[in-house]
Every structure is written in structure tokens, then in C-alpha cells.
Amino acid sequence: MNWYFEIDGVSQGPISESVLALKVQTGDLPAQTLIWNSSMSEWVAAGTVKPDWLKPIVPPIPVASVPKSSAVRTPTKPLAPSKTEPPVEEKQGFFKKLFGRSKKS
């Protein structure tokens, strides 16, 4: 269906409904702009004829790509000593034996 719109008292058109809707949604034509088609008896504001045209076009939000998760590395030894394991005795190193700085109990 062909539509006409009015700018500064001058009729413009014909244009398709999709083009007219786009002009209203992008703000090129205010909602108060008078529009008309052959099925209407009089000129009416675009916002009252098609209120859904007043919804602004919102571009889709880009979705960030999620990196692939790498395999979770599990430790081969426990992080804390277990209660069942005996405590590890500290061995005296070469220099401690040589210079006699080891702690003796």
C-alpha cells in the first residue's frame, strides 16, 4: 500500500509502508507527522496510526565469543598433608652436616 506524508504543508510520496515505518523509527519523520493512504478518510499523525512505528530500532548487541575452556588440571599430590600420612622428616643436607648447623633434638 502506498503512503503519503506531509512536510511543511507539502504532501510527499507515495512510499511503501516499510520505508515510512523506517523513517519514523529512525527519527527522520517525527511521530506528529501527518500521514495518509487511500484507505483513510483524513490525514492522521503517524504515531496514532501505527504506534509500533514509534519503537526505535535497536541494533542487536554483539555477543562476545566465549573461549573454549581448557582442561582443568588436578594436582597429582594433595595440597595439604593428609591425616593418615606420617609427617615427612627433614633430611640434613651436605652443608648442614659439614658445618654442624643442623638442629638436633
PDB file of N, CA and C in Angstrom:
ATOM      1  N   MET A   1       0.852  -1.174   0.000  1.00  0.00           N
ATOM      2  CA  MET A   1       0.000   0.000   0.000  1.00  0.00           C
ATOM      3  C   MET A   1       0.896   1.234   0.000  1.00  0.00           C
ATOM      4  N   ASN A   2       0.534   2.204  -0.775  1.00  0.00           N
ATOM      5  CA  ASN A   2       1.295   3.450  -0.849  1.00  0.00           C
ATOM      6  C   ASN A   2       0.855   4.422   0.239  1.00  0.00           C
ATOM      7  N   TRP A   3       1.833   5.071   0.815  1.00  0.00           N
ATOM      8  CA  TRP A   3       1.591   6.051   1.879  1.00  0.00           C
ATOM      9  C   TRP A   3       2.107   7.413   1.444  1.00  0.00           C
ATOM     10  N   TYR A   4       1.477   8.429   2.016  1.00  0.00           N
ATOM     11  CA  TYR A   4       1.903   9.812   1.778  1.00  0.00           C
ATOM     12  C   TYR A   4       2.137  10.449   3.141  1.00  0.00           C
ATOM     13  N   PHE A   5       3.057  11.393   3.183  1.00  0.00           N
ATOM     14  CA  PHE A   5       3.302  12.119   4.427  1.00  0.00           C
ATOM     15  C   PHE A   5       3.455  13.594   4.109  1.00  0.00           C
ATOM     16  N   GLU A   6       3.280  14.401   5.117  1.00  0.00           N
ATOM     17  CA  GLU A   6       3.291  15.853   4.934  1.00  0.00           C
ATOM     18  C   GLU A   6       4.495  16.460   5.637  1.00  0.00           C
ATOM     19  N   ILE A   7       5.224  17.292   4.891  1.00  0.00           N
ATOM     20  CA  ILE A   7       6.336  18.051   5.476  1.00  0.00           C
ATOM     21  C   ILE A   7       6.139  19.512   5.098  1.00  0.00           C
ATOM     22  N   ASP A   8       6.063  20.374   6.109  1.00  0.00           N
ATOM     23  CA  ASP A   8       5.857  21.817   5.908  1.00  0.00           C
ATOM     24  C   ASP A   8       4.655  22.112   5.010  1.00  0.00           C
ATOM     25  N   GLY A   9       3.576  21.343   5.211  1.00  0.00           N
ATOM     26  CA  GLY A   9       2.346  21.578   4.475  1.00  0.00           C
ATOM     27  C   GLY A   9       2.349  21.026   3.059  1.00  0.00           C
ATOM     28  N   VAL A  10       3.418  20.326   2.671  1.00  0.00           N
ATOM     29  CA  VAL A  10       3.517  19.790   1.318  1.00  0.00           C
ATOM     30  C   VAL A  10       3.464  18.258   1.385  1.00  0.00           C
ATOM     31  N   SER A  11       2.589  17.680   0.589  1.00  0.00           N
ATOM     32  CA  SER A  11       2.434  16.225   0.541  1.00  0.00           C
ATOM     33  C   SER A  11       3.626  15.596  -0.164  1.00  0.00           C
ATOM     34  N   GLN A  12       4.139  14.532   0.419  1.00  0.00           N
ATOM     35  CA  GLN A  12       5.280  13.790  -0.144  1.00  0.00           C
ATOM     36  C   GLN A  12       4.844  12.344  -0.361  1.00  0.00           C
ATOM     37  N   GLY A  13       5.369  11.676  -1.349  1.00  0.00           N
ATOM     38  CA  GLY A  13       5.059  10.275  -1.580  1.00  0.00           C
ATOM     39  C   GLY A  13       4.685  10.053  -3.009  1.00  0.00           C
ATOM     40  N   PRO A  14       4.276   8.887  -3.336  1.00  0.00           N
ATOM     41  CA  PRO A  14       3.990   7.736  -2.478  1.00  0.00           C
ATOM     42  C   PRO A  14       5.269   6.985  -2.081  1.00  0.00           C
ATOM     43  N   ILE A  15       5.220   6.361  -0.897  1.00  0.00           N
ATOM     44  CA  ILE A  15       6.286   5.482  -0.443  1.00  0.00           C
ATOM     45  C   ILE A  15       5.638   4.235   0.167  1.00  0.00           C
ATOM     46  N   SER A  16       6.429   3.199   0.263  1.00  0.00           N
ATOM     47  CA  SER A  16       5.895   1.957   0.828  1.00  0.00           C
ATOM     48  C   SER A  16       5.775   2.085   2.345  1.00  0.00           C
ATOM     49  N   GLU A  17       4.970   1.203   2.928  1.00  0.00           N
ATOM     50  CA  GLU A  17       4.778   1.225   4.378  1.00  0.00           C
ATOM     51  C   GLU A  17       6.087   0.940   5.109  1.00  0.00           C
ATOM     52  N   SER A  18       6.902   0.042   4.579  1.00  0.00           N
ATOM     53  CA  SER A  18       8.165  -0.291   5.252  1.00  0.00           C
ATOM     54  C   SER A  18       9.122   0.900   5.258  1.00  0.00           C
ATOM     55  N   VAL A  19       9.156   1.667   4.171  1.00  0.00           N
ATOM     56  CA  VAL A  19      10.017   2.851   4.124  1.00  0.00           C
ATOM     57  C   VAL A  19       9.496   3.929   5.075  1.00  0.00           C
ATOM     58  N   LEU A  20       8.181   4.109   5.102  1.00  0.00           N
ATOM     59  CA  LEU A  20       7.591   5.090   6.017  1.00  0.00           C
ATOM     60  C   LEU A  20       7.865   4.695   7.468  1.00  0.00           C
ATOM     61  N   ALA A  21       7.688   3.428   7.792  1.00  0.00           N
ATOM     62  CA  ALA A  21       7.955   2.947   9.147  1.00  0.00           C
ATOM     63  C   ALA A  21       9.410   3.193   9.529  1.00  0.00           C
ATOM     64  N   LEU A  22      10.318   2.931   8.620  1.00  0.00           N
ATOM     65  CA  LEU A  22      11.740   3.146   8.880  1.00  0.00           C
ATOM     66  C   LEU A  22      12.036   4.620   9.128  1.00  0.00           C
ATOM     67  N   LYS A  23      11.418   5.504   8.362  1.00  0.00           N
ATOM     68  CA  LYS A  23      11.617   6.946   8.551  1.00  0.00           C
ATOM     69  C   LYS A  23      11.143   7.390   9.940  1.00  0.00           C
ATOM     70  N   VAL A  24      10.034   6.826  10.412  1.00  0.00           N
ATOM     71  CA  VAL A  24       9.516   7.183  11.743  1.00  0.00           C
ATOM     72  C   VAL A  24      10.423   6.590  12.825  1.00  0.00           C
ATOM     73  N   GLN A  25      10.828   5.334  12.661  1.00  0.00           N
ATOM     74  CA  GLN A  25      11.658   4.661  13.660  1.00  0.00           C
ATOM     75  C   GLN A  25      13.038   5.289  13.793  1.00  0.00           C
ATOM     76  N   THR A  26      13.596   5.763  12.704  1.00  0.00           N
ATOM     77  CA  THR A  26      14.927   6.373  12.765  1.00  0.00           C
ATOM     78  C   THR A  26      14.879   7.845  13.153  1.00  0.00           C
ATOM     79  N   GLY A  27      13.678   8.402  13.232  1.00  0.00           N
ATOM     80  CA  GLY A  27      13.549   9.800  13.632  1.00  0.00           C
ATOM     81  C   GLY A  27      13.582  10.779  12.473  1.00  0.00           C
ATOM     82  N   ASP A  28      13.662  10.267  11.241  1.00  0.00           N
ATOM     83  CA  ASP A  28      13.634  11.166  10.082  1.00  0.00           C
ATOM     84  C   ASP A  28      12.284  11.874   9.981  1.00  0.00           C
ATOM     85  N   LEU A  29      11.225  11.189  10.424  1.00  0.00           N
ATOM     86  CA  LEU A  29       9.895  11.793  10.486  1.00  0.00           C
ATOM     87  C   LEU A  29       9.408  11.706  11.928  1.00  0.00           C
ATOM     88  N   PRO A  30       9.052  12.840  12.542  1.00  0.00           N
ATOM     89  CA  PRO A  30       8.533  12.807  13.905  1.00  0.00           C
ATOM     90  C   PRO A  30       7.183  12.090  13.964  1.00  0.00           C
ATOM     91  N   ALA A  31       6.832  11.615  15.147  1.00  0.00           N
ATOM     92  CA  ALA A  31       5.558  10.902  15.347  1.00  0.00           C
ATOM     93  C   ALA A  31       4.360  11.794  15.019  1.00  0.00           C
ATOM     94  N   GLN A  32       4.529  13.108  15.076  1.00  0.00           N
ATOM     95  CA  GLN A  32       3.432  14.039  14.798  1.00  0.00           C
ATOM     96  C   GLN A  32       3.225  14.272  13.304  1.00  0.00           C
ATOM     97  N   THR A  33       4.116  13.719  12.474  1.00  0.00           N
ATOM     98  CA  THR A  33       3.995  13.899  11.030  1.00  0.00           C
ATOM     99  C   THR A  33       2.673  13.311  10.550  1.00  0.00           C
ATOM    100  N   LEU A  34       1.950  14.083   9.764  1.00  0.00           N
ATOM    101  CA  LEU A  34       0.670  13.618   9.224  1.00  0.00           C
ATOM    102  C   LEU A  34       0.932  12.654   8.070  1.00  0.00           C
ATOM    103  N   ILE A  35       0.236  11.525   8.120  1.00  0.00           N
ATOM    104  CA  ILE A  35       0.360  10.526   7.061  1.00  0.00           C
ATOM    105  C   ILE A  35      -1.034  10.155   6.560  1.00  0.00           C
ATOM    106  N   TRP A  36      -1.073   9.573   5.346  1.00  0.00           N
ATOM    107  CA  TRP A  36      -2.350   9.207   4.751  1.00  0.00           C
ATOM    108  C   TRP A  36      -2.127   8.102   3.730  1.00  0.00           C
ATOM    109  N   ASN A  37      -3.158   7.222   3.590  1.00  0.00           N
ATOM    110  CA  ASN A  37      -3.195   6.285   2.471  1.00  0.00           C
ATOM    111  C   ASN A  37      -4.635   6.225   1.966  1.00  0.00           C
ATOM    112  N   SER A  38      -4.861   5.523   0.891  1.00  0.00           N
ATOM    113  CA  SER A  38      -6.174   5.548   0.240  1.00  0.00           C
ATOM    114  C   SER A  38      -7.286   4.913   1.078  1.00  0.00           C
ATOM    115  N   SER A  39      -6.948   4.152   2.119  1.00  0.00           N
ATOM    116  CA  SER A  39      -7.987   3.548   2.961  1.00  0.00           C
ATOM    117  C   SER A  39      -8.435   4.477   4.086  1.00  0.00           C
ATOM    118  N   MET A  40      -7.787   5.637   4.212  1.00  0.00           N
ATOM    119  CA  MET A  40      -8.094   6.566   5.313  1.00  0.00           C
ATOM    120  C   MET A  40      -8.939   7.730   4.807  1.00  0.00           C
ATOM    121  N   SER A  41      -9.797   8.248   5.694  1.00  0.00           N
ATOM    122  CA  SER A  41     -10.653   9.374   5.305  1.00  0.00           C
ATOM    123  C   SER A  41      -9.962  10.717   5.505  1.00  0.00           C
ATOM    124  N   GLU A  42      -8.952  10.759   6.392  1.00  0.00           N
ATOM    125  CA  GLU A  42      -8.248  12.026   6.641  1.00  0.00           C
ATOM    126  C   GLU A  42      -6.795  11.765   7.035  1.00  0.00           C
ATOM    127  N   TRP A  43      -5.998  12.822   7.047  1.00  0.00           N
ATOM    128  CA  TRP A  43      -4.597  12.742   7.448  1.00  0.00           C
ATOM    129  C   TRP A  43      -4.525  12.595   8.971  1.00  0.00           C
ATOM    130  N   VAL A  44      -3.644  11.713   9.442  1.00  0.00           N
ATOM    131  CA  VAL A  44      -3.525  11.439  10.876  1.00  0.00           C
ATOM    132  C   VAL A  44      -2.037  11.361  11.226  1.00  0.00           C
ATOM    133  N   ALA A  45      -1.728  11.714  12.471  1.00  0.00           N
ATOM    134  CA  ALA A  45      -0.343  11.650  12.942  1.00  0.00           C
ATOM    135  C   ALA A  45       0.162  10.202  12.894  1.00  0.00           C
ATOM    136  N   ALA A  46       1.386  10.037  12.441  1.00  0.00           N
ATOM    137  CA  ALA A  46       1.968   8.696  12.277  1.00  0.00           C
ATOM    138  C   ALA A  46       1.960   7.905  13.583  1.00  0.00           C
ATOM    139  N   GLY A  47       2.189   8.564  14.703  1.00  0.00           N
ATOM    140  CA  GLY A  47       2.230   7.879  15.989  1.00  0.00           C
ATOM    141  C   GLY A  47       0.891   7.326  16.432  1.00  0.00           C
ATOM    142  N   THR A  48      -0.197   7.870  15.931  1.00  0.00           N
ATOM    143  CA  THR A  48      -1.512   7.351  16.308  1.00  0.00           C
ATOM    144  C   THR A  48      -1.983   6.260  15.358  1.00  0.00           C
ATOM    145  N   VAL A  49      -1.534   6.308  14.110  1.00  0.00           N
ATOM    146  CA  VAL A  49      -1.933   5.296  13.138  1.00  0.00           C
ATOM    147  C   VAL A  49      -1.199   3.979  13.414  1.00  0.00           C
ATOM    148  N   LYS A  50       0.072   4.060  13.613  1.00  0.00           N
ATOM    149  CA  LYS A  50       0.905   2.876  13.825  1.00  0.00           C
ATOM    150  C   LYS A  50       1.821   3.118  15.032  1.00  0.00           C
ATOM    151  N   PRO A  51       1.317   2.914  16.244  1.00  0.00           N
ATOM    152  CA  PRO A  51       2.143   3.159  17.437  1.00  0.00           C
ATOM    153  C   PRO A  51       3.416   2.306  17.494  1.00  0.00           C
ATOM    154  N   ASP A  52       3.388   1.130  16.872  1.00  0.00           N
ATOM    155  CA  ASP A  52       4.590   0.294  16.899  1.00  0.00           C
ATOM    156  C   ASP A  52       5.739   0.904  16.094  1.00  0.00           C
ATOM    157  N   TRP A  53       5.439   1.856  15.227  1.00  0.00           N
ATOM    158  CA  TRP A  53       6.492   2.550  14.500  1.00  0.00           C
ATOM    159  C   TRP A  53       7.308   3.449  15.425  1.00  0.00           C
ATOM    160  N   LEU A  54       6.759   3.781  16.578  1.00  0.00           N
ATOM    161  CA  LEU A  54       7.454   4.685  17.492  1.00  0.00           C
ATOM    162  C   LEU A  54       8.576   3.985  18.259  1.00  0.00           C
ATOM    163  N   LYS A  55       8.597   2.657  18.218  1.00  0.00           N
ATOM    164  CA  LYS A  55       9.668   1.918  18.890  1.00  0.00           C
ATOM    165  C   LYS A  55      10.943   2.102  18.077  1.00  0.00           C
ATOM    166  N   PRO A  56      11.990   2.629  18.704  1.00  0.00           N
ATOM    167  CA  PRO A  56      13.232   2.839  17.955  1.00  0.00           C
ATOM    168  C   PRO A  56      13.865   1.513  17.559  1.00  0.00           C
ATOM    169  N   ILE A  57      14.567   1.566  16.466  1.00  0.00           N
ATOM    170  CA  ILE A  57      15.288   0.380  16.026  1.00  0.00           C
ATOM    171  C   ILE A  57      16.537   0.267  16.886  1.00  0.00           C
ATOM    172  N   VAL A  58      16.660  -0.858  17.544  1.00  0.00           N
ATOM    173  CA  VAL A  58      17.821  -1.093  18.398  1.00  0.00           C
ATOM    174  C   VAL A  58      18.686  -2.139  17.718  1.00  0.00           C
ATOM    175  N   PRO A  59      19.951  -1.770  17.441  1.00  0.00           N
ATOM    176  CA  PRO A  59      20.805  -2.770  16.804  1.00  0.00           C
ATOM    177  C   PRO A  59      21.063  -3.920  17.769  1.00  0.00           C
ATOM    178  N   PRO A  60      21.245  -5.098  17.244  1.00  0.00           N
ATOM    179  CA  PRO A  60      21.500  -6.240  18.128  1.00  0.00           C
ATOM    180  C   PRO A  60      22.804  -6.064  18.883  1.00  0.00           C
ATOM    181  N   ILE A  61      22.812  -6.527  20.112  1.00  0.00           N
ATOM    182  CA  ILE A  61      24.012  -6.436  20.936  1.00  0.00           C
ATOM    183  C   ILE A  61      24.943  -7.572  20.526  1.00  0.00           C
ATOM    184  N   PRO A  62      26.193  -7.209  20.173  1.00  0.00           N
ATOM    185  CA  PRO A  62      27.107  -8.277  19.781  1.00  0.00           C
ATOM    186  C   PRO A  62      27.422  -9.168  20.978  1.00  0.00           C
ATOM    187  N   VAL A  63      27.459 -10.441  20.724  1.00  0.00           N
ATOM    188  CA  VAL A  63      27.760 -11.402  21.782  1.00  0.00           C
ATOM    189  C   VAL A  63      29.228 -11.760  21.673  1.00  0.00           C
ATOM    190  N   ALA A  64      29.942 -11.565  22.774  1.00  0.00           N
ATOM    191  CA  ALA A  64      31.364 -11.896  22.781  1.00  0.00           C
ATOM    192  C   ALA A  64      31.520 -13.410  22.726  1.00  0.00           C
ATOM    193  N   SER A  65      32.484 -13.822  21.942  1.00  0.00           N
ATOM    194  CA  SER A  65      32.712 -15.262  21.871  1.00  0.00           C
ATOM    195  C   SER A  65      33.392 -15.719  23.155  1.00  0.00           C
ATOM    196  N   VAL A  66      32.946 -16.830  23.643  1.00  0.00           N
ATOM    197  CA  VAL A  66      33.493 -17.380  24.875  1.00  0.00           C
ATOM    198  C   VAL A  66      34.596 -18.353  24.491  1.00  0.00           C
ATOM    199  N   PRO A  67      35.804 -18.136  25.046  1.00  0.00           N
ATOM    200  CA  PRO A  67      36.881 -19.056  24.688  1.00  0.00           C
ATOM    201  C   PRO A  67      36.582 -20.462  25.200  1.00  0.00           C
ATOM    202  N   LYS A  68      37.062 -21.424  24.467  1.00  0.00           N
ATOM    203  CA  LYS A  68      36.858 -22.804  24.884  1.00  0.00           C
ATOM    204  C   LYS A  68      37.620 -23.033  26.182  1.00  0.00           C
ATOM    205  N   SER A  69      36.966 -23.698  27.095  1.00  0.00           N
ATOM    206  CA  SER A  69      37.620 -23.934  28.378  1.00  0.00           C
ATOM    207  C   SER A  69      38.663 -25.024  28.215  1.00  0.00           C
ATOM    208  N   SER A  70      39.821 -24.758  28.805  1.00  0.00           N
ATOM    209  CA  SER A  70      40.866 -25.765  28.758  1.00  0.00           C
ATOM    210  C   SER A  70      40.611 -26.770  29.869  1.00  0.00           C
ATOM    211  N   ALA A  71      41.222 -27.894  29.729  1.00  0.00           N
ATOM    212  CA  ALA A  71      41.035 -28.934  30.729  1.00  0.00           C
ATOM    213  C   ALA A  71      41.547 -28.442  32.074  1.00  0.00           C
ATOM    214  N   VAL A  72      40.830 -28.741  33.108  1.00  0.00           N
ATOM    215  CA  VAL A  72      41.229 -28.332  34.446  1.00  0.00           C
ATOM    216  C   VAL A  72      42.295 -29.297  34.931  1.00  0.00           C
ATOM    217  N   ARG A  73      43.395 -28.733  35.343  1.00  0.00           N
ATOM    218  CA  ARG A  73      44.488 -29.558  35.814  1.00  0.00           C
ATOM    219  C   ARG A  73      44.289 -29.862  37.281  1.00  0.00           C
ATOM    220  N   THR A  74      44.276 -31.122  37.607  1.00  0.00           N
ATOM    221  CA  THR A  74      44.144 -31.509  39.007  1.00  0.00           C
ATOM    222  C   THR A  74      45.513 -31.896  39.522  1.00  0.00           C
ATOM    223  N   PRO A  75      45.837 -31.465  40.717  1.00  0.00           N
ATOM    224  CA  PRO A  75      47.161 -31.774  41.251  1.00  0.00           C
ATOM    225  C   PRO A  75      47.307 -33.282  41.472  1.00  0.00           C
ATOM    226  N   THR A  76      48.532 -33.773  41.242  1.00  0.00           N
ATOM    227  CA  THR A  76      48.775 -35.201  41.436  1.00  0.00           C
ATOM    228  C   THR A  76      49.003 -35.521  42.905  1.00  0.00           C
ATOM    229  N   LYS A  77      49.450 -34.537  43.667  1.00  0.00           N
ATOM    230  CA  LYS A  77      49.645 -34.721  45.096  1.00  0.00           C
ATOM    231  C   LYS A  77      48.641 -33.847  45.823  1.00  0.00           C
ATOM    232  N   PRO A  78      48.235 -34.259  47.009  1.00  0.00           N
ATOM    233  CA  PRO A  78      47.315 -33.406  47.752  1.00  0.00           C
ATOM    234  C   PRO A  78      47.988 -32.094  48.138  1.00  0.00           C
ATOM    235  N   LEU A  79      47.179 -31.033  48.204  1.00  0.00           N
ATOM    236  CA  LEU A  79      47.714 -29.723  48.542  1.00  0.00           C
ATOM    237  C   LEU A  79      48.094 -29.619  50.016  1.00  0.00           C
ATOM    238  N   ALA A  80      47.415 -30.316  50.863  1.00  0.00           N
ATOM    239  CA  ALA A  80      47.725 -30.311  52.294  1.00  0.00           C
ATOM    240  C   ALA A  80      47.982 -31.748  52.714  1.00  0.00           C
ATOM    241  N   PRO A  81      48.847 -31.929  53.711  1.00  0.00           N
ATOM    242  CA  PRO A  81      49.102 -33.311  54.126  1.00  0.00           C
ATOM    243  C   PRO A  81      47.848 -33.940  54.688  1.00  0.00           C
ATOM    244  N   SER A  82      47.701 -35.183  54.395  1.00  0.00           N
ATOM    245  CA  SER A  82      46.533 -35.884  54.894  1.00  0.00           C
ATOM    246  C   SER A  82      46.814 -36.363  56.312  1.00  0.00           C
ATOM    247  N   LYS A  83      45.779 -36.607  57.083  1.00  0.00           N
ATOM    248  CA  LYS A  83      45.943 -37.029  58.472  1.00  0.00           C
ATOM    249  C   LYS A  83      46.478 -38.453  58.559  1.00  0.00           C
ATOM    250  N   THR A  84      46.330 -39.210  57.493  1.00  0.00           N
ATOM    251  CA  THR A  84      46.776 -40.596  57.537  1.00  0.00           C
ATOM    252  C   THR A  84      48.245 -40.747  57.184  1.00  0.00           C
ATOM    253  N   GLU A  85      48.831 -39.759  56.528  1.00  0.00           N
ATOM    254  CA  GLU A  85      50.242 -39.859  56.151  1.00  0.00           C
ATOM    255  C   GLU A  85      51.123 -39.409  57.305  1.00  0.00           C
ATOM    256  N   PRO A  86      52.234 -40.112  57.563  1.00  0.00           N
ATOM    257  CA  PRO A  86      53.148 -39.654  58.616  1.00  0.00           C
ATOM    258  C   PRO A  86      53.875 -38.403  58.148  1.00  0.00           C
ATOM    259  N   PRO A  87      54.261 -37.518  59.063  1.00  0.00           N
ATOM    260  CA  PRO A  87      54.975 -36.311  58.654  1.00  0.00           C
ATOM    261  C   PRO A  87      56.329 -36.679  58.046  1.00  0.00           C
ATOM    262  N   VAL A  88      56.722 -35.902  57.057  1.00  0.00           N
ATOM    263  CA  VAL A  88      57.984 -36.140  56.376  1.00  0.00           C
ATOM    264  C   VAL A  88      59.092 -35.516  57.212  1.00  0.00           C
ATOM    265  N   GLU A  89      60.140 -36.312  57.492  1.00  0.00           N
ATOM    266  CA  GLU A  89      61.268 -35.790  58.266  1.00  0.00           C
ATOM    267  C   GLU A  89      62.183 -35.038  57.329  1.00  0.00           C
ATOM    268  N   GLU A  90      62.692 -33.925  57.819  1.00  0.00           N
ATOM    269  CA  GLU A  90      63.606 -33.114  57.021  1.00  0.00           C
ATOM    270  C   GLU A  90      64.976 -33.761  57.061  1.00  0.00           C
ATOM    271  N   LYS A  91      65.534 -33.985  55.896  1.00  0.00           N
ATOM    272  CA  LYS A  91      66.861 -34.587  55.825  1.00  0.00           C
ATOM    273  C   LYS A  91      67.899 -33.489  55.933  1.00  0.00           C
ATOM    274  N   GLN A  92      68.986 -33.818  56.565  1.00  0.00           N
ATOM    275  CA  GLN A  92      70.068 -32.846  56.671  1.00  0.00           C
ATOM    276  C   GLN A  92      70.855 -32.848  55.372  1.00  0.00           C
ATOM    277  N   GLY A  93      71.095 -31.687  54.873  1.00  0.00           N
ATOM    278  CA  GLY A  93      71.859 -31.564  53.651  1.00  0.00           C
ATOM    279  C   GLY A  93      73.358 -31.670  53.912  1.00  0.00           C
ATOM    280  N   PHE A  94      74.118 -31.677  52.846  1.00  0.00           N
ATOM    281  CA  PHE A  94      75.567 -31.822  52.923  1.00  0.00           C
ATOM    282  C   PHE A  94      76.213 -30.722  53.759  1.00  0.00           C
ATOM    283  N   PHE A  95      75.838 -29.460  53.511  1.00  0.00           N
ATOM    284  CA  PHE A  95      76.462 -28.352  54.207  1.00  0.00           C
ATOM    285  C   PHE A  95      76.075 -28.303  55.675  1.00  0.00           C
ATOM    286  N   LYS A  96      74.861 -28.703  55.978  1.00  0.00           N
ATOM    287  CA  LYS A  96      74.451 -28.732  57.379  1.00  0.00           C
ATOM    288  C   LYS A  96      75.259 -29.781  58.136  1.00  0.00           C
ATOM    289  N   LYS A  97      75.501 -30.904  57.492  1.00  0.00           N
ATOM    290  CA  LYS A  97      76.323 -31.931  58.136  1.00  0.00           C
ATOM    291  C   LYS A  97      77.774 -31.447  58.261  1.00  0.00           C
ATOM    292  N   LEU A  98      78.248 -30.809  57.216  1.00  0.00           N
ATOM    293  CA  LEU A  98      79.646 -30.365  57.169  1.00  0.00           C
ATOM    294  C   LEU A  98      79.911 -29.306  58.220  1.00  0.00           C
ATOM    295  N   PHE A  99      79.052 -28.321  58.306  1.00  0.00           N
ATOM    296  CA  PHE A  99      79.283 -27.204  59.203  1.00  0.00           C
ATOM    297  C   PHE A  99      78.567 -27.344  60.536  1.00  0.00           C
ATOM    298  N   GLY A 100      77.855 -28.399  60.732  1.00  0.00           N
ATOM    299  CA  GLY A 100      77.238 -28.682  62.002  1.00  0.00           C
ATOM    300  C   GLY A 100      76.130 -27.731  62.398  1.00  0.00           C
ATOM    301  N   ARG A 101      75.399 -27.217  61.466  1.00  0.00           N
ATOM    302  CA  ARG A 101      74.332 -26.281  61.802  1.00  0.00           C
ATOM    303  C   ARG A 101      72.977 -26.941  61.828  1.00  0.00           C
ATOM    304  N   SER A 102      72.946 -28.192  61.931  1.00  0.00           N
ATOM    305  CA  SER A 102      71.650 -28.851  61.962  1.00  0.00           C
ATOM    306  C   SER A 102      71.088 -28.805  63.364  1.00  0.00           C
ATOM    307  N   LYS A 103      69.801 -28.814  63.455  1.00  0.00           N
ATOM    308  CA  LYS A 103      69.123 -28.819  64.750  1.00  0.00           C
ATOM    309  C   LYS A 103      69.064 -30.260  65.227  1.00  0.00           C
ATOM    310  N   LYS A 104      69.490 -30.472  66.431  1.00  0.00           N
ATOM    311  CA  LYS A 104      69.416 -31.809  66.990  1.00  0.00           C
ATOM    312  C   LYS A 104      68.385 -31.817  68.098  1.00  0.00           C
ATOM    313  N   SER A 105      67.580 -32.837  68.116  1.00  0.00           N
ATOM    314  CA  SER A 105      66.556 -32.878  69.132  1.00  0.00           C
ATOM    315  C   SER A 105      66.970 -33.742  70.263  1.00  0.00           C
TER     316      SER A 105
END
